[in-house]
């Protein structure tokens, strides 16, 4: 009997917002700050404790570095997926949704065979996935008011998405610093 699908939707750690010379939505994008590196270490300890089997990640520098640090601490492999990239300028909601949903479905299928899978991506794409997993709009809006830039989770935060009999269980499972 297989385990229920279980994935973590993870936002990259804190990037260097001061780097105005680097476009935010075009690779490589800004790097992590020292605080971001510390957040990624804490995320890695969480993922290890959660038994994550693999970490998928966006190609953007901030997501790549978050994944490198966290996967290193957790002792798991990383897998690059261009479809997890940041929301690009002038990109339509449905196009972003389609590309990130493909990866989420792949990860859900993989997690059914054993352990949870982590996806390190960006706040905008995570918001679309949370809608797909039926997080109530009011709850999503409330989360967006809590965190920087209207994101539905803090830097290096993780939403747990678990299949259940009635659809999906969703929980903000990790925030750096508690």
N, C-alpha and C. Protein backbone atom coordinates (compact mmCIF):
# COMPACT_ATOMS: atom_id res chain seq x y z
N UNK A 1 0.84 -1.18 0.00
CA UNK A 1 0.00 0.00 0.00
C UNK A 1 0.89 1.25 0.00
N UNK A 2 0.63 2.16 -0.92
CA UNK A 2 1.46 3.36 -1.00
C UNK A 2 1.02 4.39 0.03
N UNK A 3 1.94 5.26 0.37
CA UNK A 3 1.65 6.35 1.30
C UNK A 3 0.95 7.47 0.55
N UNK A 4 0.18 8.30 1.27
CA UNK A 4 -0.45 9.43 0.58
C UNK A 4 0.61 10.41 0.07
N UNK A 5 0.31 11.01 -1.06
CA UNK A 5 1.22 12.01 -1.63
C UNK A 5 1.45 13.13 -0.64
N UNK A 6 2.70 13.58 -0.57
CA UNK A 6 3.07 14.62 0.40
C UNK A 6 4.23 15.42 -0.18
N UNK A 7 4.02 16.72 -0.35
CA UNK A 7 5.09 17.58 -0.85
C UNK A 7 5.18 18.85 0.01
N UNK A 8 6.34 19.46 -0.03
CA UNK A 8 6.56 20.75 0.62
C UNK A 8 6.78 21.80 -0.45
N UNK A 9 5.96 22.85 -0.41
CA UNK A 9 6.12 24.01 -1.31
C UNK A 9 6.97 25.02 -0.55
N UNK A 10 8.19 25.22 -1.02
CA UNK A 10 9.19 26.00 -0.28
C UNK A 10 9.56 27.26 -1.05
N UNK A 11 9.52 28.37 -0.35
CA UNK A 11 9.99 29.62 -0.94
C UNK A 11 11.49 29.74 -0.69
N UNK A 12 12.21 30.26 -1.65
CA UNK A 12 13.64 30.50 -1.49
C UNK A 12 13.90 31.37 -0.26
N UNK A 13 15.11 31.31 0.25
CA UNK A 13 15.52 32.12 1.40
C UNK A 13 15.70 33.58 0.97
N UNK A 14 16.03 34.45 1.92
CA UNK A 14 16.10 35.89 1.68
C UNK A 14 17.20 36.26 0.68
N UNK A 15 16.78 36.90 -0.44
CA UNK A 15 17.77 37.35 -1.42
C UNK A 15 18.26 38.75 -1.08
N UNK A 16 19.26 39.18 -1.80
CA UNK A 16 19.81 40.52 -1.62
C UNK A 16 18.95 41.51 -2.40
N UNK A 17 17.94 42.06 -1.70
CA UNK A 17 17.01 43.01 -2.33
C UNK A 17 17.73 44.29 -2.78
N UNK A 18 18.89 44.58 -2.24
CA UNK A 18 19.59 45.81 -2.59
C UNK A 18 20.21 45.76 -3.99
N UNK A 19 20.31 44.59 -4.59
CA UNK A 19 20.94 44.44 -5.91
C UNK A 19 19.99 44.88 -7.02
N UNK A 20 19.89 46.16 -7.23
CA UNK A 20 19.02 46.71 -8.28
C UNK A 20 19.63 46.55 -9.66
N UNK A 21 20.91 46.15 -9.72
CA UNK A 21 21.59 45.96 -11.00
C UNK A 21 21.31 44.59 -11.62
N UNK A 22 20.61 43.72 -10.87
CA UNK A 22 20.32 42.37 -11.35
C UNK A 22 18.80 42.22 -11.47
N UNK A 23 18.29 41.91 -12.67
CA UNK A 23 16.85 41.70 -12.80
C UNK A 23 16.37 40.56 -11.89
N UNK A 24 15.24 40.78 -11.24
CA UNK A 24 14.73 39.82 -10.27
C UNK A 24 14.13 38.58 -10.94
N UNK A 25 13.57 38.73 -12.15
CA UNK A 25 12.85 37.64 -12.79
C UNK A 25 13.60 36.94 -13.91
N UNK A 26 14.84 37.35 -14.15
CA UNK A 26 15.65 36.74 -15.21
C UNK A 26 16.87 36.10 -14.56
N UNK A 27 17.16 34.81 -14.87
CA UNK A 27 18.32 34.17 -14.28
C UNK A 27 19.60 34.94 -14.57
N UNK A 28 20.48 35.06 -13.60
CA UNK A 28 20.46 34.32 -12.35
C UNK A 28 19.63 34.96 -11.24
N UNK A 29 19.31 36.25 -11.34
CA UNK A 29 18.61 36.93 -10.26
C UNK A 29 19.57 37.18 -9.10
N UNK A 30 19.10 37.87 -8.07
CA UNK A 30 19.99 38.21 -6.96
C UNK A 30 20.36 36.99 -6.10
N UNK A 31 21.53 37.04 -5.47
CA UNK A 31 21.97 35.95 -4.60
C UNK A 31 21.32 36.06 -3.22
N UNK A 32 21.57 35.07 -2.39
CA UNK A 32 21.10 35.11 -1.00
C UNK A 32 21.97 36.05 -0.17
N UNK A 33 21.39 36.57 0.87
CA UNK A 33 22.13 37.32 1.88
C UNK A 33 22.68 36.32 2.89
N UNK A 34 23.49 36.82 3.83
CA UNK A 34 23.96 35.95 4.92
C UNK A 34 22.77 35.44 5.73
N UNK A 35 21.77 36.28 5.94
CA UNK A 35 20.55 35.84 6.63
C UNK A 35 19.88 34.71 5.85
N UNK A 36 19.82 34.85 4.53
CA UNK A 36 19.23 33.82 3.68
C UNK A 36 19.97 32.50 3.81
N UNK A 37 21.28 32.55 3.89
CA UNK A 37 22.06 31.32 4.05
C UNK A 37 21.72 30.64 5.39
N UNK A 38 21.56 31.44 6.45
CA UNK A 38 21.17 30.88 7.75
C UNK A 38 19.76 30.27 7.68
N UNK A 39 18.86 30.95 6.99
CA UNK A 39 17.49 30.42 6.82
C UNK A 39 17.53 29.07 6.09
N UNK A 40 18.36 28.97 5.06
CA UNK A 40 18.47 27.73 4.29
C UNK A 40 19.03 26.59 5.14
N UNK A 41 19.95 26.91 6.03
CA UNK A 41 20.46 25.88 6.95
C UNK A 41 19.35 25.36 7.86
N UNK A 42 18.54 26.27 8.40
CA UNK A 42 17.42 25.87 9.26
C UNK A 42 16.40 25.06 8.45
N UNK A 43 16.16 25.47 7.22
CA UNK A 43 15.25 24.72 6.35
C UNK A 43 15.78 23.30 6.13
N UNK A 44 17.07 23.18 5.90
CA UNK A 44 17.66 21.85 5.70
C UNK A 44 17.46 20.94 6.90
N UNK A 45 17.62 21.47 8.10
CA UNK A 45 17.39 20.67 9.31
C UNK A 45 15.93 20.23 9.38
N UNK A 46 15.02 21.14 9.03
CA UNK A 46 13.60 20.79 9.00
C UNK A 46 13.33 19.68 7.98
N UNK A 47 13.86 19.82 6.77
CA UNK A 47 13.62 18.83 5.72
C UNK A 47 14.19 17.47 6.09
N UNK A 48 15.33 17.47 6.77
CA UNK A 48 15.92 16.20 7.23
C UNK A 48 14.98 15.53 8.22
N UNK A 49 14.50 16.30 9.18
CA UNK A 49 13.58 15.76 10.20
C UNK A 49 12.28 15.28 9.55
N UNK A 50 11.83 15.97 8.50
CA UNK A 50 10.59 15.61 7.81
C UNK A 50 10.76 14.39 6.90
N UNK A 51 12.00 13.96 6.68
CA UNK A 51 12.25 12.78 5.85
C UNK A 51 12.11 13.02 4.36
N UNK A 52 12.37 14.24 3.92
CA UNK A 52 12.26 14.55 2.50
C UNK A 52 13.27 13.72 1.70
N UNK A 53 12.81 13.20 0.56
CA UNK A 53 13.63 12.31 -0.26
C UNK A 53 14.45 13.05 -1.31
N UNK A 54 13.93 14.18 -1.77
CA UNK A 54 14.58 14.90 -2.86
C UNK A 54 14.09 16.34 -2.84
N UNK A 55 14.91 17.25 -3.39
CA UNK A 55 14.53 18.65 -3.48
C UNK A 55 14.61 19.09 -4.94
N UNK A 56 13.47 19.47 -5.49
CA UNK A 56 13.40 20.08 -6.81
C UNK A 56 13.60 21.58 -6.62
N UNK A 57 14.18 22.26 -7.62
CA UNK A 57 14.42 23.68 -7.42
C UNK A 57 14.38 24.46 -8.73
N UNK A 58 14.10 25.74 -8.58
CA UNK A 58 14.11 26.73 -9.66
C UNK A 58 15.56 27.00 -10.07
N UNK A 59 15.78 27.47 -11.30
CA UNK A 59 17.14 27.80 -11.73
C UNK A 59 17.65 29.15 -11.20
N UNK A 60 16.78 29.95 -10.60
CA UNK A 60 17.20 31.26 -10.11
C UNK A 60 18.21 31.08 -8.97
N UNK A 61 19.22 31.93 -8.93
CA UNK A 61 20.31 31.81 -7.96
C UNK A 61 19.80 31.67 -6.53
N UNK A 62 18.81 32.47 -6.14
CA UNK A 62 18.32 32.43 -4.76
C UNK A 62 17.67 31.09 -4.42
N UNK A 63 16.98 30.48 -5.39
CA UNK A 63 16.36 29.18 -5.16
C UNK A 63 17.40 28.06 -5.24
N UNK A 64 18.31 28.17 -6.20
CA UNK A 64 19.37 27.18 -6.35
C UNK A 64 20.21 27.10 -5.08
N UNK A 65 20.62 28.25 -4.57
CA UNK A 65 21.48 28.26 -3.37
C UNK A 65 20.71 27.77 -2.15
N UNK A 66 19.44 28.16 -2.03
CA UNK A 66 18.60 27.64 -0.94
C UNK A 66 18.56 26.12 -1.00
N UNK A 67 18.32 25.59 -2.19
CA UNK A 67 18.24 24.14 -2.38
C UNK A 67 19.58 23.47 -2.07
N UNK A 68 20.69 24.07 -2.53
CA UNK A 68 22.01 23.48 -2.27
C UNK A 68 22.27 23.34 -0.78
N UNK A 69 22.01 24.41 -0.06
CA UNK A 69 22.27 24.40 1.39
C UNK A 69 21.33 23.43 2.08
N UNK A 70 20.03 23.54 1.81
CA UNK A 70 19.04 22.71 2.50
C UNK A 70 19.22 21.23 2.15
N UNK A 71 19.41 20.92 0.88
CA UNK A 71 19.60 19.52 0.48
C UNK A 71 20.89 18.96 1.06
N UNK A 72 21.92 19.79 1.17
CA UNK A 72 23.17 19.35 1.78
C UNK A 72 22.98 18.95 3.23
N UNK A 73 22.26 19.78 3.97
CA UNK A 73 21.98 19.47 5.38
C UNK A 73 21.11 18.23 5.49
N UNK A 74 20.10 18.12 4.62
CA UNK A 74 19.17 16.99 4.67
C UNK A 74 19.78 15.72 4.10
N UNK A 75 20.88 15.84 3.36
CA UNK A 75 21.53 14.66 2.78
C UNK A 75 20.74 14.05 1.64
N UNK A 76 20.10 14.92 0.81
CA UNK A 76 19.30 14.42 -0.31
C UNK A 76 19.75 15.05 -1.62
N UNK A 77 19.31 14.44 -2.71
CA UNK A 77 19.64 14.95 -4.04
C UNK A 77 18.80 16.15 -4.40
N UNK A 78 19.30 16.93 -5.36
CA UNK A 78 18.59 18.07 -5.91
C UNK A 78 18.30 17.80 -7.38
N UNK A 79 17.21 18.38 -7.87
CA UNK A 79 16.86 18.24 -9.26
C UNK A 79 16.37 19.59 -9.79
N UNK A 80 17.07 20.14 -10.77
CA UNK A 80 16.72 21.41 -11.39
C UNK A 80 15.50 21.24 -12.28
N UNK A 81 14.54 22.17 -12.13
CA UNK A 81 13.36 22.22 -13.00
C UNK A 81 13.14 23.67 -13.40
N UNK A 82 13.40 23.97 -14.67
CA UNK A 82 13.19 25.34 -15.17
C UNK A 82 11.76 25.81 -14.96
N UNK A 83 10.80 24.90 -14.97
CA UNK A 83 9.40 25.27 -14.79
C UNK A 83 9.10 25.86 -13.41
N UNK A 84 10.01 25.72 -12.45
CA UNK A 84 9.81 26.30 -11.12
C UNK A 84 10.34 27.72 -11.02
N UNK A 85 10.74 28.29 -12.15
CA UNK A 85 11.33 29.63 -12.17
C UNK A 85 10.37 30.70 -11.67
N UNK A 86 10.95 31.86 -11.38
CA UNK A 86 10.18 33.03 -10.95
C UNK A 86 9.16 33.43 -12.01
N UNK A 87 8.10 34.05 -11.56
CA UNK A 87 7.10 34.64 -12.44
C UNK A 87 7.80 35.67 -13.31
N UNK A 88 7.76 35.51 -14.60
CA UNK A 88 8.47 36.40 -15.52
C UNK A 88 7.61 37.61 -15.89
N UNK A 89 8.26 38.71 -16.15
CA UNK A 89 7.57 39.92 -16.57
C UNK A 89 6.68 39.62 -17.77
N UNK A 90 5.44 40.06 -17.70
CA UNK A 90 4.44 39.90 -18.76
C UNK A 90 3.95 38.46 -18.93
N UNK A 91 4.33 37.55 -18.03
CA UNK A 91 3.86 36.16 -18.12
C UNK A 91 2.45 36.08 -17.54
N UNK A 92 1.57 35.37 -18.20
CA UNK A 92 0.18 35.24 -17.78
C UNK A 92 0.05 34.24 -16.63
N UNK A 93 -0.94 34.48 -15.77
CA UNK A 93 -1.21 33.59 -14.64
C UNK A 93 -1.32 32.13 -15.09
N UNK A 94 -2.09 31.90 -16.15
CA UNK A 94 -2.33 30.53 -16.60
C UNK A 94 -1.06 29.85 -17.10
N UNK A 95 -0.13 30.62 -17.65
CA UNK A 95 1.12 30.04 -18.12
C UNK A 95 2.02 29.65 -16.94
N UNK A 96 2.08 30.51 -15.93
CA UNK A 96 2.85 30.19 -14.73
C UNK A 96 2.24 28.96 -14.06
N UNK A 97 0.92 28.98 -13.92
CA UNK A 97 0.22 27.85 -13.30
C UNK A 97 0.54 26.55 -14.02
N UNK A 98 0.44 26.56 -15.34
CA UNK A 98 0.66 25.33 -16.12
C UNK A 98 2.05 24.76 -15.89
N UNK A 99 3.06 25.62 -15.89
CA UNK A 99 4.43 25.09 -15.77
C UNK A 99 4.74 24.61 -14.35
N UNK A 100 4.29 25.33 -13.34
CA UNK A 100 4.59 24.86 -11.97
C UNK A 100 3.73 23.67 -11.60
N UNK A 101 2.51 23.60 -12.14
CA UNK A 101 1.63 22.48 -11.84
C UNK A 101 2.20 21.17 -12.41
N UNK A 102 2.84 21.23 -13.57
CA UNK A 102 3.48 20.03 -14.15
C UNK A 102 4.49 19.44 -13.16
N UNK A 103 5.32 20.29 -12.59
CA UNK A 103 6.34 19.82 -11.65
C UNK A 103 5.68 19.32 -10.36
N UNK A 104 4.69 20.04 -9.87
CA UNK A 104 4.00 19.61 -8.65
C UNK A 104 3.39 18.23 -8.83
N UNK A 105 2.78 17.97 -9.97
CA UNK A 105 2.19 16.66 -10.24
C UNK A 105 3.27 15.57 -10.27
N UNK A 106 4.40 15.87 -10.89
CA UNK A 106 5.52 14.93 -10.92
C UNK A 106 5.98 14.60 -9.49
N UNK A 107 6.07 15.62 -8.66
CA UNK A 107 6.52 15.43 -7.28
C UNK A 107 5.50 14.66 -6.46
N UNK A 108 4.23 14.93 -6.68
CA UNK A 108 3.18 14.18 -5.97
C UNK A 108 3.25 12.71 -6.34
N UNK A 109 3.44 12.42 -7.61
CA UNK A 109 3.55 11.03 -8.05
C UNK A 109 4.78 10.37 -7.42
N UNK A 110 5.89 11.08 -7.41
CA UNK A 110 7.11 10.52 -6.81
C UNK A 110 6.92 10.28 -5.32
N UNK A 111 6.26 11.19 -4.64
CA UNK A 111 6.12 11.06 -3.18
C UNK A 111 5.20 9.91 -2.80
N UNK A 112 4.27 9.53 -3.68
CA UNK A 112 3.39 8.39 -3.40
C UNK A 112 4.18 7.10 -3.21
N UNK A 113 5.36 7.04 -3.79
CA UNK A 113 6.19 5.84 -3.71
C UNK A 113 7.00 5.78 -2.42
N UNK A 114 6.93 6.79 -1.59
CA UNK A 114 7.73 6.74 -0.38
C UNK A 114 7.69 8.02 0.42
N UNK A 115 8.76 8.76 0.35
CA UNK A 115 8.94 9.93 1.22
C UNK A 115 8.50 11.23 0.55
N UNK A 116 8.29 12.28 1.36
CA UNK A 116 7.91 13.58 0.81
C UNK A 116 8.99 14.16 -0.10
N UNK A 117 8.58 15.09 -0.94
CA UNK A 117 9.47 15.78 -1.87
C UNK A 117 9.33 17.29 -1.62
N UNK A 118 10.44 18.01 -1.74
CA UNK A 118 10.42 19.46 -1.59
C UNK A 118 10.56 20.16 -2.93
N UNK A 119 9.86 21.28 -3.10
CA UNK A 119 9.96 22.12 -4.30
C UNK A 119 10.40 23.50 -3.84
N UNK A 120 11.61 23.90 -4.19
CA UNK A 120 12.08 25.24 -3.85
C UNK A 120 11.81 26.14 -5.05
N UNK A 121 10.88 27.08 -4.84
CA UNK A 121 10.48 27.98 -5.92
C UNK A 121 10.27 29.37 -5.35
N UNK A 122 9.27 30.08 -5.82
CA UNK A 122 9.08 31.50 -5.51
C UNK A 122 7.66 31.73 -5.00
N UNK A 123 7.46 32.84 -4.31
CA UNK A 123 6.18 33.12 -3.68
C UNK A 123 5.00 33.16 -4.63
N UNK A 124 5.14 33.81 -5.79
CA UNK A 124 4.04 33.89 -6.75
C UNK A 124 3.59 32.52 -7.23
N UNK A 125 4.51 31.70 -7.74
CA UNK A 125 4.12 30.35 -8.14
C UNK A 125 3.53 29.52 -6.98
N UNK A 126 4.05 29.69 -5.78
CA UNK A 126 3.48 28.96 -4.64
C UNK A 126 2.05 29.39 -4.39
N UNK A 127 1.77 30.68 -4.52
CA UNK A 127 0.40 31.16 -4.37
C UNK A 127 -0.54 30.48 -5.35
N UNK A 128 -0.12 30.32 -6.60
CA UNK A 128 -0.95 29.63 -7.60
C UNK A 128 -1.16 28.17 -7.23
N UNK A 129 -0.10 27.51 -6.74
CA UNK A 129 -0.24 26.10 -6.34
C UNK A 129 -1.17 25.96 -5.14
N UNK A 130 -1.07 26.88 -4.19
CA UNK A 130 -1.96 26.81 -3.03
C UNK A 130 -3.42 26.94 -3.47
N UNK A 131 -3.69 27.77 -4.46
CA UNK A 131 -5.05 27.87 -5.01
C UNK A 131 -5.46 26.55 -5.64
N UNK A 132 -4.56 25.94 -6.39
CA UNK A 132 -4.85 24.64 -7.03
C UNK A 132 -5.17 23.58 -5.99
N UNK A 133 -4.48 23.64 -4.86
CA UNK A 133 -4.72 22.68 -3.78
C UNK A 133 -5.87 23.10 -2.88
N UNK A 134 -6.60 24.12 -3.29
CA UNK A 134 -7.85 24.56 -2.65
C UNK A 134 -7.68 25.23 -1.29
N UNK A 135 -6.57 25.96 -1.10
CA UNK A 135 -6.47 26.80 0.09
C UNK A 135 -7.52 27.89 -0.07
N UNK A 136 -8.39 28.08 0.92
CA UNK A 136 -9.43 29.11 0.79
C UNK A 136 -8.82 30.49 0.51
N UNK A 137 -9.47 31.23 -0.39
CA UNK A 137 -8.95 32.55 -0.81
C UNK A 137 -8.72 33.47 0.38
N UNK A 138 -9.61 33.45 1.35
CA UNK A 138 -9.45 34.30 2.52
C UNK A 138 -8.21 33.96 3.31
N UNK A 139 -7.92 32.67 3.43
CA UNK A 139 -6.72 32.24 4.15
C UNK A 139 -5.46 32.63 3.38
N UNK A 140 -5.50 32.49 2.06
CA UNK A 140 -4.36 32.89 1.24
C UNK A 140 -4.12 34.40 1.35
N UNK A 141 -5.18 35.18 1.29
CA UNK A 141 -5.04 36.63 1.42
C UNK A 141 -4.47 37.00 2.79
N UNK A 142 -4.92 36.32 3.84
CA UNK A 142 -4.41 36.59 5.19
C UNK A 142 -2.92 36.28 5.27
N UNK A 143 -2.49 35.19 4.66
CA UNK A 143 -1.06 34.83 4.66
C UNK A 143 -0.25 35.89 3.92
N UNK A 144 -0.78 36.37 2.81
CA UNK A 144 -0.06 37.37 2.00
C UNK A 144 0.14 38.68 2.75
N UNK A 145 -0.74 38.99 3.69
CA UNK A 145 -0.59 40.22 4.48
C UNK A 145 0.49 40.07 5.56
N UNK A 146 0.85 38.83 5.87
CA UNK A 146 1.83 38.59 6.93
C UNK A 146 3.28 38.71 6.46
N UNK A 147 3.52 38.47 5.18
CA UNK A 147 4.91 38.33 4.71
C UNK A 147 5.27 39.37 3.66
N UNK A 148 6.56 39.52 3.46
CA UNK A 148 7.09 40.53 2.55
C UNK A 148 6.59 40.35 1.12
N UNK A 149 6.43 41.45 0.44
CA UNK A 149 6.09 41.49 -0.99
C UNK A 149 4.80 40.73 -1.32
N UNK A 150 3.92 40.56 -0.36
CA UNK A 150 2.65 39.88 -0.61
C UNK A 150 2.78 38.39 -0.83
N UNK A 151 3.86 37.79 -0.35
CA UNK A 151 4.06 36.36 -0.52
C UNK A 151 3.26 35.56 0.51
N UNK A 152 2.84 34.34 0.17
CA UNK A 152 2.03 33.55 1.08
C UNK A 152 2.82 32.76 2.13
N UNK A 153 4.11 33.04 2.23
CA UNK A 153 4.96 32.41 3.23
C UNK A 153 6.26 33.20 3.34
N UNK A 154 6.96 33.05 4.46
CA UNK A 154 8.21 33.81 4.62
C UNK A 154 9.34 33.21 3.80
N UNK A 155 10.44 33.95 3.65
CA UNK A 155 11.60 33.36 2.98
C UNK A 155 12.01 32.07 3.69
N UNK A 156 12.28 31.03 2.90
CA UNK A 156 12.66 29.69 3.37
C UNK A 156 11.54 29.00 4.13
N UNK A 157 10.32 29.52 4.02
CA UNK A 157 9.16 28.87 4.63
C UNK A 157 8.68 27.73 3.76
N UNK A 158 7.88 26.83 4.36
CA UNK A 158 7.40 25.65 3.63
C UNK A 158 5.95 25.33 3.98
N UNK A 159 5.14 25.20 2.96
CA UNK A 159 3.78 24.69 3.10
C UNK A 159 3.80 23.19 2.88
N UNK A 160 3.17 22.46 3.77
CA UNK A 160 2.99 21.02 3.60
C UNK A 160 1.68 20.80 2.86
N UNK A 161 1.74 20.01 1.80
CA UNK A 161 0.55 19.61 1.04
C UNK A 161 0.50 18.09 1.11
N UNK A 162 -0.59 17.58 1.71
CA UNK A 162 -0.73 16.13 1.88
C UNK A 162 -2.08 15.68 1.34
N UNK A 163 -2.07 14.63 0.53
CA UNK A 163 -3.32 14.08 0.01
C UNK A 163 -4.10 13.47 1.17
N UNK A 164 -5.41 13.66 1.13
CA UNK A 164 -6.28 13.02 2.12
C UNK A 164 -7.54 12.56 1.40
N UNK A 165 -8.41 11.91 2.12
CA UNK A 165 -9.61 11.33 1.52
C UNK A 165 -10.47 12.38 0.82
N UNK A 166 -10.53 13.58 1.38
CA UNK A 166 -11.38 14.64 0.84
C UNK A 166 -10.65 15.61 -0.07
N UNK A 167 -9.43 15.34 -0.44
CA UNK A 167 -8.66 16.24 -1.30
C UNK A 167 -7.27 16.49 -0.76
N UNK A 168 -7.07 17.66 -0.12
CA UNK A 168 -5.73 18.04 0.32
C UNK A 168 -5.77 18.65 1.71
N UNK A 169 -4.78 18.32 2.50
CA UNK A 169 -4.54 18.99 3.77
C UNK A 169 -3.40 19.96 3.54
N UNK A 170 -3.56 21.19 3.98
CA UNK A 170 -2.54 22.22 3.78
C UNK A 170 -2.18 22.82 5.13
N UNK A 171 -0.87 23.01 5.33
CA UNK A 171 -0.39 23.56 6.60
C UNK A 171 0.91 24.31 6.36
N UNK A 172 1.00 25.52 6.89
CA UNK A 172 2.29 26.22 6.87
C UNK A 172 3.14 25.52 7.91
N UNK A 173 4.03 24.64 7.44
CA UNK A 173 4.74 23.70 8.30
C UNK A 173 6.06 24.21 8.84
N UNK A 174 6.66 25.19 8.16
CA UNK A 174 7.99 25.66 8.61
C UNK A 174 8.15 27.14 8.32
N UNK A 175 8.63 27.84 9.35
CA UNK A 175 9.05 29.24 9.22
C UNK A 175 10.39 29.34 9.92
N UNK A 176 11.44 29.85 9.25
CA UNK A 176 12.72 30.00 9.92
C UNK A 176 12.56 30.84 11.18
N UNK A 177 13.18 30.42 12.23
CA UNK A 177 13.09 31.15 13.48
C UNK A 177 11.85 30.81 14.29
N UNK A 178 11.06 29.84 13.82
CA UNK A 178 9.91 29.38 14.61
C UNK A 178 8.59 29.85 14.16
